[in-house]
Amino acid sequence: MKKYVFLLCTIVSLLSCKNQKQTNGKLNIVTTTTMITDLVKNIGGEHINLQGLMGSGVDPHLYKASEGDVTKLANADIIFYNGLHLEGKLVEVFEKMKNKKTIAIADALDKSTLIGSEYFASNYDPHIWFNVDYWKQATAFVVKTLSEQIPEQKTAFEANGAAYTAKLNALKTKIENTIATLPKEQRILVTAHDAFNYFGKAFNFKVVGLQGLSTATEAGVKDVQKLSTFIIENKVKSIFVESSVPKRTIQALQAAVKSKGHDVAIGGTLYSDALGDAETIEGTYIGMFEYNVNTIVEALK
């Protein structure tokens, strides 16, 4: 613990006294989650130097900065992070930095439209990427931010933003068409933790997570028993594992349902707090969303 506190202090100290540094004439951008890395990559393209801190399958709720992250953060001209306390262990780093180089994607959104939660540190559900319209707002926000920092590339950023927004519009239409094939009474999504509330609100699913909004909260025996009863009463056909959460919680839930004389299948693994492996379709925001929806719909039919 003492070592980690020292590491945080080192990062803050380095960032506080740092002037802008550029590599090959390009700004150095650091991002936290894989979703944000993918977004900034689509907007910045070849005009920025981009490094992401987190990889596939990494849980941002529990992520701790490593010694290797110190160099990345210290050399960054801009740091894009989710905000709303998603990056729980990094929050104190970002909040102690007294300059404008740290940019929270959540600042692009009107907080009155967010899902509130008295059980999460920010009092809001931080899983904002599961609303495609929010991600379009985030796209415009990144375009604006990069254009202000690199005005000579404003035209390129705006063109990239327009092209990516068109892809997001197409994604939303495709998702709606796929979900329309699933009867409304079967739209009950049970997962390891409450990462899909924005998805549920946007596409008319009842969403139930075993662990709540943060994976830092362990599910207890009562939680498992209560949810197993809900599954049986609502005749839920399948429940889902998440790529960034250990399988044991959902397996325990499946076993609890079986102990009561009923069966529920594990419908597959969903990408929640991180994208899939790099260089795969699921390693992109759009590919991840399509994969999740296809997996959910097929398992619940």
Protein backbone atom coordinates (compact mmCIF):
# COMPACT_ATOMS: atom_id res chain seq x y z
CA MET A 1 0.00 0.00 0.00
CA LYS A 2 2.82 2.42 0.92
CA LYS A 3 4.53 1.65 -2.37
CA TYR A 4 1.35 2.45 -4.29
CA VAL A 5 0.84 5.77 -2.43
CA PHE A 6 4.44 6.70 -3.26
CA LEU A 7 3.81 5.83 -6.90
CA LEU A 8 0.72 8.06 -6.99
CA CYS A 9 2.67 10.95 -5.47
CA THR A 10 5.44 10.47 -8.03
CA ILE A 11 2.96 10.58 -10.92
CA VAL A 12 1.26 13.73 -9.61
CA SER A 13 4.62 15.43 -9.01
CA LEU A 14 5.86 14.68 -12.51
CA LEU A 15 2.65 15.80 -14.14
CA SER A 16 2.37 19.00 -12.13
CA CYS A 17 5.73 20.37 -13.27
CA LYS A 18 5.65 19.10 -16.85
CA ASN A 19 5.43 21.34 -19.89
CA GLN A 20 4.03 20.08 -23.20
CA LYS A 21 6.26 17.51 -24.86
CA GLN A 22 5.79 16.33 -28.40
CA THR A 23 7.16 13.37 -30.32
CA ASN A 24 7.72 13.82 -34.04
CA GLY A 25 5.70 17.02 -33.85
CA LYS A 26 2.63 15.18 -32.56
CA LEU A 27 0.96 15.43 -29.17
CA ASN A 28 1.32 12.45 -26.86
CA ILE A 29 -2.13 11.21 -25.84
CA VAL A 30 -2.75 8.67 -23.07
CA THR A 31 -6.12 6.99 -22.58
CA THR A 32 -7.40 4.76 -19.81
CA THR A 33 -10.03 2.24 -20.96
CA THR A 34 -10.00 0.35 -24.24
CA MET A 35 -13.27 2.01 -25.27
CA ILE A 36 -11.73 5.46 -24.96
CA THR A 37 -8.54 4.34 -26.69
CA ASP A 38 -10.58 3.14 -29.65
CA LEU A 39 -12.57 6.39 -29.77
CA VAL A 40 -9.54 8.67 -29.67
CA LYS A 41 -7.77 6.51 -32.26
CA ASN A 42 -10.68 6.95 -34.65
CA ILE A 43 -10.58 10.75 -34.26
CA GLY A 44 -6.87 11.44 -33.90
CA GLY A 45 -5.57 8.88 -36.37
CA GLU A 46 -2.09 9.54 -37.68
CA HIS A 47 -2.01 13.04 -36.22
CA ILE A 48 -1.37 11.96 -32.61
CA ASN A 49 0.83 9.57 -30.65
CA LEU A 50 -1.59 7.38 -28.70
CA GLN A 51 -1.00 4.98 -25.80
CA GLY A 52 -3.69 3.16 -23.82
CA LEU A 53 -3.11 2.13 -20.22
CA MET A 54 -5.59 -0.74 -20.06
CA GLY A 55 -5.83 -3.76 -22.31
CA SER A 56 -8.46 -6.35 -23.16
CA GLY A 57 -10.11 -7.98 -20.15
CA VAL A 58 -8.82 -5.35 -17.72
CA ASP A 59 -11.26 -4.20 -15.05
CA PRO A 60 -11.03 -0.38 -14.73
CA HIS A 61 -12.76 -0.44 -11.33
CA LEU A 62 -9.77 -2.28 -9.86
CA TYR A 63 -6.94 -1.06 -12.11
CA LYS A 64 -3.84 0.26 -10.34
CA ALA A 65 -1.18 2.35 -12.03
CA SER A 66 2.05 0.39 -12.51
CA GLU A 67 5.55 1.79 -12.47
CA GLY A 68 5.49 1.59 -16.26
CA ASP A 69 2.45 3.85 -16.31
CA VAL A 70 4.44 6.64 -14.64
CA THR A 71 6.42 7.26 -17.82
CA LYS A 72 3.32 7.19 -20.02
CA LEU A 73 1.44 9.63 -17.81
CA ALA A 74 4.41 11.92 -17.28
CA ASN A 75 5.03 12.20 -21.04
CA ALA A 76 1.38 12.76 -21.92
CA ASP A 77 0.16 16.08 -23.27
CA ILE A 78 -3.45 15.02 -22.81
CA ILE A 79 -4.97 12.22 -20.74
CA PHE A 80 -8.49 11.08 -21.66
CA TYR A 81 -10.30 9.10 -18.98
CA ASN A 82 -13.90 8.05 -18.42
CA GLY A 83 -14.66 9.88 -15.20
CA LEU A 84 -17.60 9.26 -12.81
CA HIS A 85 -15.14 7.26 -10.69
CA LEU A 86 -14.98 4.37 -13.17
CA GLU A 87 -11.19 4.28 -12.81
CA GLY A 88 -11.45 3.94 -9.05
CA LYS A 89 -7.77 3.53 -8.19
CA LEU A 90 -6.68 6.33 -10.54
CA VAL A 91 -9.22 8.92 -9.44
CA GLU A 92 -6.96 10.49 -6.82
CA VAL A 93 -4.24 10.95 -9.46
CA PHE A 94 -6.52 12.77 -11.88
CA GLU A 95 -8.24 14.86 -9.21
CA LYS A 96 -4.92 16.07 -7.76
CA MET A 97 -3.67 17.29 -11.12
CA LYS A 98 -4.29 21.05 -11.20
CA ASN A 99 -4.10 21.63 -14.94
CA LYS A 100 -6.29 21.08 -17.98
CA LYS A 101 -4.46 18.11 -19.41
CA THR A 102 -6.79 15.53 -17.85
CA ILE A 103 -10.03 15.23 -19.80
CA ALA A 104 -13.01 13.21 -18.51
CA ILE A 105 -15.16 11.86 -21.33
CA ALA A 106 -18.16 12.03 -19.00
CA ASP A 107 -17.86 15.83 -19.03
CA ALA A 108 -19.31 15.71 -22.54
CA LEU A 109 -22.66 14.64 -21.11
CA ASP A 110 -25.46 16.43 -19.31
CA LYS A 111 -25.42 14.76 -15.90
CA SER A 112 -29.18 15.23 -15.54
CA THR A 113 -29.57 12.57 -18.26
CA LEU A 114 -27.37 10.02 -16.50
CA ILE A 115 -28.56 7.12 -14.37
CA GLY A 116 -28.11 8.02 -10.73
CA SER A 117 -26.77 5.65 -8.11
CA GLU A 118 -26.40 6.24 -4.39
CA TYR A 119 -24.23 3.11 -4.28
CA PHE A 120 -21.44 4.44 -6.52
CA ALA A 121 -18.81 7.02 -5.54
CA SER A 122 -19.78 9.54 -8.24
CA ASN A 123 -23.51 9.05 -7.58
CA TYR A 124 -23.85 8.16 -11.27
CA ASP A 125 -23.56 4.95 -13.25
CA PRO A 126 -20.20 5.36 -15.06
CA HIS A 127 -20.83 2.81 -17.87
CA ILE A 128 -21.79 5.55 -20.33
CA TRP A 129 -20.40 3.82 -23.46
CA PHE A 130 -23.39 1.48 -23.55
CA ASN A 131 -25.55 4.34 -24.82
CA VAL A 132 -24.63 4.91 -28.48
CA ASP A 133 -26.05 8.45 -28.41
CA TYR A 134 -23.75 9.27 -25.49
CA TRP A 135 -20.82 7.89 -27.47
CA LYS A 136 -21.72 10.22 -30.34
CA GLN A 137 -21.57 13.13 -27.88
CA ALA A 138 -18.22 11.82 -26.66
CA THR A 139 -17.02 11.77 -30.28
CA ALA A 140 -17.89 15.45 -30.75
CA PHE A 141 -16.19 16.21 -27.42
CA VAL A 142 -12.94 14.52 -28.47
CA VAL A 143 -13.03 16.29 -31.85
CA LYS A 144 -13.40 19.64 -30.09
CA THR A 145 -10.66 18.90 -27.56
CA LEU A 146 -8.10 17.73 -30.12
CA SER A 147 -8.97 20.62 -32.47
CA GLU A 148 -8.28 23.11 -29.69
CA GLN A 149 -4.95 21.46 -28.85
CA ILE A 150 -3.84 20.90 -32.46
CA PRO A 151 -5.67 23.59 -34.47
CA GLU A 152 -3.69 22.91 -37.64
CA GLN A 153 -5.36 19.47 -37.82
CA LYS A 154 -8.89 20.68 -37.03
CA THR A 155 -10.20 19.86 -40.53
CA ALA A 156 -8.87 16.29 -40.29
CA PHE A 157 -10.32 15.76 -36.82
CA GLU A 158 -13.73 17.07 -37.88
CA ALA A 159 -13.73 14.82 -40.96
CA ASN A 160 -12.76 11.80 -38.85
CA GLY A 161 -15.45 12.70 -36.33
CA ALA A 162 -18.13 12.96 -39.01
CA ALA A 163 -17.13 9.61 -40.52
CA TYR A 164 -17.13 7.90 -37.12
CA THR A 165 -20.48 9.42 -36.16
CA ALA A 166 -21.95 7.98 -39.37
CA LYS A 167 -20.67 4.56 -38.33
CA LEU A 168 -22.26 4.97 -34.89
CA ASN A 169 -25.58 5.88 -36.50
CA ALA A 170 -25.38 2.73 -38.63
CA LEU A 171 -24.50 0.70 -35.52
CA LYS A 172 -27.54 1.94 -33.66
CA THR A 173 -29.85 1.06 -36.54
CA LYS A 174 -28.34 -2.42 -36.82
CA ILE A 175 -28.68 -3.01 -33.08
CA GLU A 176 -32.32 -1.91 -33.08
CA ASN A 177 -33.12 -4.27 -35.94
CA THR A 178 -31.45 -7.22 -34.17
CA ILE A 179 -33.18 -6.53 -30.85
CA ALA A 180 -36.54 -6.22 -32.60
CA THR A 181 -36.36 -9.98 -33.27
CA LEU A 182 -36.47 -10.70 -29.51
CA PRO A 183 -39.91 -10.52 -27.85
CA LYS A 184 -40.14 -7.79 -25.21
CA GLU A 185 -41.05 -10.22 -22.43
CA GLN A 186 -37.76 -12.07 -23.02
CA ARG A 187 -35.59 -8.96 -22.71
CA ILE A 188 -34.18 -9.68 -19.27
CA LEU A 189 -30.41 -9.39 -19.05
CA VAL A 190 -28.68 -10.97 -16.03
CA THR A 191 -24.93 -10.36 -15.78
CA ALA A 192 -22.09 -10.38 -13.27
CA HIS A 193 -22.35 -6.68 -12.42
CA ASP A 194 -24.54 -3.71 -13.35
CA ALA A 195 -22.61 -2.53 -16.41
CA PHE A 196 -25.55 -2.60 -18.82
CA ASN A 197 -28.09 -0.18 -17.34
CA TYR A 198 -27.63 2.39 -20.11
CA PHE A 199 -28.00 -0.38 -22.66
CA GLY A 200 -31.18 -1.54 -20.94
CA LYS A 201 -32.67 1.94 -20.82
CA ALA A 202 -31.87 2.60 -24.49
CA PHE A 203 -33.13 -0.72 -25.83
CA ASN A 204 -35.90 -1.66 -23.40
CA PHE A 205 -34.19 -4.46 -21.45
CA LYS A 206 -34.62 -5.19 -17.76
CA VAL A 207 -31.06 -5.41 -16.49
CA VAL A 208 -30.01 -7.16 -13.28
CA GLY A 209 -26.39 -7.35 -12.12
CA LEU A 210 -25.20 -9.67 -9.39
CA GLN A 211 -22.48 -7.39 -7.99
CA GLY A 212 -23.91 -3.91 -8.42
CA LEU A 213 -22.20 -1.10 -10.36
CA SER A 214 -18.65 -1.77 -9.21
CA THR A 215 -16.81 -5.07 -9.34
CA ALA A 216 -15.07 -3.99 -6.14
CA THR A 217 -18.27 -5.03 -4.34
CA GLU A 218 -18.48 -8.77 -3.75
CA ALA A 219 -21.78 -10.58 -4.25
CA GLY A 220 -23.00 -12.29 -1.10
CA VAL A 221 -24.97 -15.50 -0.57
CA LYS A 222 -28.18 -13.51 -0.13
CA ASP A 223 -27.60 -11.73 -3.44
CA VAL A 224 -27.16 -15.06 -5.23
CA GLN A 225 -30.24 -16.59 -3.65
CA LYS A 226 -32.40 -13.55 -4.35
CA LEU A 227 -31.35 -13.38 -7.98
CA SER A 228 -31.78 -17.13 -8.47
CA THR A 229 -35.39 -16.78 -7.34
CA PHE A 230 -35.88 -13.87 -9.76
CA ILE A 231 -34.52 -15.99 -12.63
CA ILE A 232 -36.89 -18.84 -11.87
CA GLU A 233 -39.94 -16.59 -11.43
CA ASN A 234 -39.25 -14.76 -14.69
CA LYS A 235 -38.27 -17.89 -16.64
CA VAL A 236 -34.95 -16.38 -17.70
CA LYS A 237 -33.39 -18.70 -20.25
CA SER A 238 -29.75 -17.54 -20.06
CA ILE A 239 -27.39 -15.51 -17.88
CA PHE A 240 -24.07 -13.99 -18.93
CA VAL A 241 -20.43 -13.95 -17.92
CA GLU A 242 -18.40 -10.76 -18.44
CA SER A 243 -14.91 -10.71 -19.92
CA SER A 244 -13.46 -8.50 -17.18
CA VAL A 245 -15.16 -10.25 -14.24
CA PRO A 246 -14.28 -13.73 -12.89
CA LYS A 247 -16.71 -16.46 -14.04
CA ARG A 248 -17.22 -17.87 -10.54
CA THR A 249 -19.99 -15.41 -9.60
CA ILE A 250 -22.22 -16.37 -12.52
CA GLN A 251 -21.35 -20.05 -12.10
CA ALA A 252 -22.44 -19.80 -8.46
CA LEU A 253 -25.70 -18.22 -9.59
CA GLN A 254 -26.26 -21.00 -12.12
CA ALA A 255 -25.65 -23.58 -9.40
CA ALA A 256 -28.12 -21.83 -7.07
CA VAL A 257 -30.82 -21.98 -9.72
CA LYS A 258 -30.11 -25.67 -10.30
CA SER A 259 -30.28 -26.41 -6.57
CA LYS A 260 -33.90 -25.20 -6.68
CA GLY A 261 -34.78 -27.68 -9.40
CA HIS A 262 -34.48 -25.37 -12.39
CA ASP A 263 -31.95 -24.85 -15.16
CA VAL A 264 -30.50 -21.68 -16.61
CA ALA A 265 -27.81 -21.62 -19.30
CA ILE A 266 -24.74 -19.45 -19.44
CA GLY A 267 -25.48 -17.66 -22.69
CA GLY A 268 -21.94 -16.55 -23.40
CA THR A 269 -19.36 -13.96 -22.41
CA LEU A 270 -20.14 -10.27 -22.88
CA TYR A 271 -17.64 -7.44 -23.13
CA SER A 272 -18.53 -4.94 -20.43
CA ASP A 273 -15.72 -2.82 -18.98
CA ALA A 274 -13.17 -3.62 -21.71
CA LEU A 275 -13.14 -4.42 -25.41
CA GLY A 276 -11.94 -7.70 -26.90
CA ASP A 277 -8.40 -8.50 -27.98
CA ALA A 278 -6.63 -5.92 -30.11
CA GLU A 279 -6.73 -6.51 -33.86
CA THR A 280 -10.06 -8.37 -33.59
CA ILE A 281 -13.53 -7.10 -34.48
CA GLU A 282 -14.48 -7.22 -30.79
CA GLY A 283 -11.42 -5.08 -30.09
CA THR A 284 -13.33 -2.09 -31.47
CA TYR A 285 -16.27 -0.32 -29.85
CA ILE A 286 -18.56 -0.99 -32.82
CA GLY A 287 -17.51 -4.64 -33.10
CA MET A 288 -17.91 -5.15 -29.35
CA PHE A 289 -21.42 -3.70 -29.36
CA GLU A 290 -22.55 -5.84 -32.31
CA TYR A 291 -21.06 -8.97 -30.75
CA ASN A 292 -22.74 -8.31 -27.39
CA VAL A 293 -26.17 -7.72 -28.93
CA ASN A 294 -25.94 -10.79 -31.15
CA THR A 295 -24.88 -12.93 -28.19
CA ILE A 296 -27.65 -11.61 -25.95
CA VAL A 297 -30.44 -11.96 -28.51
CA GLU A 298 -29.45 -15.45 -29.63
CA ALA A 299 -29.16 -16.74 -26.05
CA LEU A 300 -32.48 -15.28 -24.88
CA LYS A 301 -34.62 -16.41 -27.84
